[in-house]
Amino acid sequence: MKYLRIKKNAQFQKLFSRGKKVFSPDITLFCFPSDKLRMAVAVSKKHGKAVKRNRIKRLLRAAFERECTLFNGSWSVILVPKVSEEYTFRSFVKSLDICIKKVNGLCGEKSKKQ
């Protein structure tokens, strides 16, 4: 399943202000219902120099590509990694799996309320 990238500042601001936060050991995920699956990665300068930040982004995109089929419905998602000593693909996949289960739980709560 392919996803679209979030590139516009307005889309980022909408997700940061109105989106739901979901937490896991290595990632904070902001999500908002959407018509298609969209994803962006936000890595701040706290994580290191450009080479390290770009590596983190590559790992997160690869993990999301692998796990995006687990989403129920379509969401706009921003992945924000937590500062750590070491960043691995395996830890990002585990954390993303936890976040996706929580997001799917949010989806179930919405249907129960209606």
Protein backbone atom coordinates (compact mmCIF):
# COMPACT_ATOMS: atom_id res chain seq x y z
CA MET A 1 0.00 0.00 0.00
CA LYS A 2 1.41 3.33 -1.02
CA TYR A 3 0.99 6.50 0.97
CA LEU A 4 1.18 10.20 0.14
CA ARG A 5 3.63 12.62 1.74
CA ILE A 6 2.57 15.67 3.72
CA LYS A 7 4.55 18.66 2.46
CA LYS A 8 2.52 21.82 3.06
CA ASN A 9 2.99 23.86 6.23
CA ALA A 10 -0.79 24.24 6.61
CA GLN A 11 -1.20 20.46 6.72
CA PHE A 12 1.53 20.18 9.38
CA GLN A 13 -0.09 22.91 11.49
CA LYS A 14 -3.52 21.27 11.23
CA LEU A 15 -2.14 17.95 12.45
CA PHE A 16 -0.10 19.47 15.28
CA SER A 17 -3.01 21.59 16.53
CA ARG A 18 -6.08 19.37 15.94
CA GLY A 19 -4.61 15.88 15.67
CA LYS A 20 -4.67 13.19 18.32
CA LYS A 21 -1.37 12.24 19.97
CA VAL A 22 -0.40 8.61 20.36
CA PHE A 23 2.71 7.63 22.30
CA SER A 24 5.09 4.67 22.20
CA PRO A 25 8.63 4.14 23.56
CA ASP A 26 10.42 5.61 20.51
CA ILE A 27 7.78 7.61 18.60
CA THR A 28 5.10 10.21 19.16
CA LEU A 29 2.47 9.96 16.43
CA PHE A 30 0.03 12.74 15.53
CA CYS A 31 -3.00 11.50 13.58
CA PHE A 32 -6.10 13.01 12.02
CA PRO A 33 -8.76 11.31 9.84
CA SER A 34 -8.21 11.89 6.14
CA ASP A 35 -9.44 10.80 2.72
CA LYS A 36 -6.13 9.06 1.89
CA LEU A 37 -3.22 7.71 3.88
CA ARG A 38 -0.65 10.50 4.28
CA MET A 39 2.59 10.59 6.26
CA ALA A 40 5.32 13.01 7.26
CA VAL A 41 8.34 12.84 9.53
CA ALA A 42 9.39 15.70 11.82
CA VAL A 43 12.92 15.41 13.24
CA SER A 44 14.29 18.37 15.20
CA LYS A 45 17.88 19.49 15.59
CA LYS A 46 17.92 17.96 19.08
CA HIS A 47 18.57 14.62 17.39
CA GLY A 48 21.93 15.61 15.96
CA LYS A 49 23.47 16.90 12.78
CA ALA A 50 21.92 16.56 9.32
CA VAL A 51 23.44 13.16 8.55
CA LYS A 52 21.94 11.62 11.69
CA ARG A 53 18.55 13.33 11.18
CA ASN A 54 18.37 12.09 7.59
CA ARG A 55 19.15 8.54 8.73
CA ILE A 56 16.34 8.73 11.28
CA LYS A 57 13.96 9.93 8.55
CA ARG A 58 14.96 7.07 6.24
CA LEU A 59 14.44 4.51 9.01
CA LEU A 60 11.02 5.93 9.93
CA ARG A 61 9.84 6.04 6.32
CA ALA A 62 10.95 2.43 5.76
CA ALA A 63 9.22 1.29 8.97
CA PHE A 64 6.03 3.14 7.99
CA GLU A 65 6.14 1.63 4.48
CA ARG A 66 6.31 -1.81 6.06
CA GLU A 67 3.57 -1.27 8.67
CA CYS A 68 1.11 1.06 6.88
CA THR A 69 -1.14 -1.82 5.79
CA LEU A 70 -2.18 -2.28 9.45
CA PHE A 71 -4.14 1.02 9.55
CA ASN A 72 -7.93 0.76 9.64
CA GLY A 73 -9.17 3.57 7.43
CA SER A 74 -7.25 6.55 6.09
CA TRP A 75 -5.26 8.88 8.30
CA SER A 76 -2.90 11.80 8.03
CA VAL A 77 0.08 10.96 10.23
CA ILE A 78 3.17 12.78 11.49
CA LEU A 79 5.91 10.68 13.08
CA VAL A 80 8.08 12.44 15.66
CA PRO A 81 10.94 10.33 17.08
CA LYS A 82 11.99 10.66 20.70
CA VAL A 83 15.60 11.53 21.47
CA SER A 84 17.65 8.40 22.04
CA GLU A 85 21.24 7.17 22.04
CA GLU A 86 20.68 4.74 19.19
CA TYR A 87 18.03 4.49 16.48
CA THR A 88 17.27 1.13 14.90
CA PHE A 89 14.82 -0.05 12.29
CA ARG A 90 13.57 -2.82 14.60
CA SER A 91 12.75 -0.42 17.46
CA PHE A 92 10.91 1.93 15.08
CA VAL A 93 8.86 -0.98 13.68
CA LYS A 94 7.88 -2.12 17.20
CA SER A 95 6.96 1.41 18.29
CA LEU A 96 5.03 2.06 15.10
CA ASP A 97 3.11 -1.19 15.58
CA ILE A 98 2.12 -0.05 19.09
CA CYS A 99 1.01 3.36 17.77
CA ILE A 100 -1.03 1.85 14.94
CA LYS A 101 -2.89 -0.41 17.37
CA LYS A 102 -3.73 2.66 19.48
CA VAL A 103 -4.88 4.61 16.40
CA ASN A 104 -7.09 1.71 15.33
CA GLY A 105 -8.50 1.76 18.89
CA LEU A 106 -9.35 5.45 18.42
CA CYS A 107 -11.20 4.50 15.25
CA GLY A 108 -13.23 1.93 17.22
CA GLU A 109 -14.11 4.51 19.88
CA LYS A 110 -15.47 6.89 17.24
CA SER A 111 -17.81 4.25 15.85
CA LYS A 112 -19.05 3.36 19.39
CA LYS A 113 -19.91 7.02 20.12
CA GLN A 114 -22.00 7.42 16.97
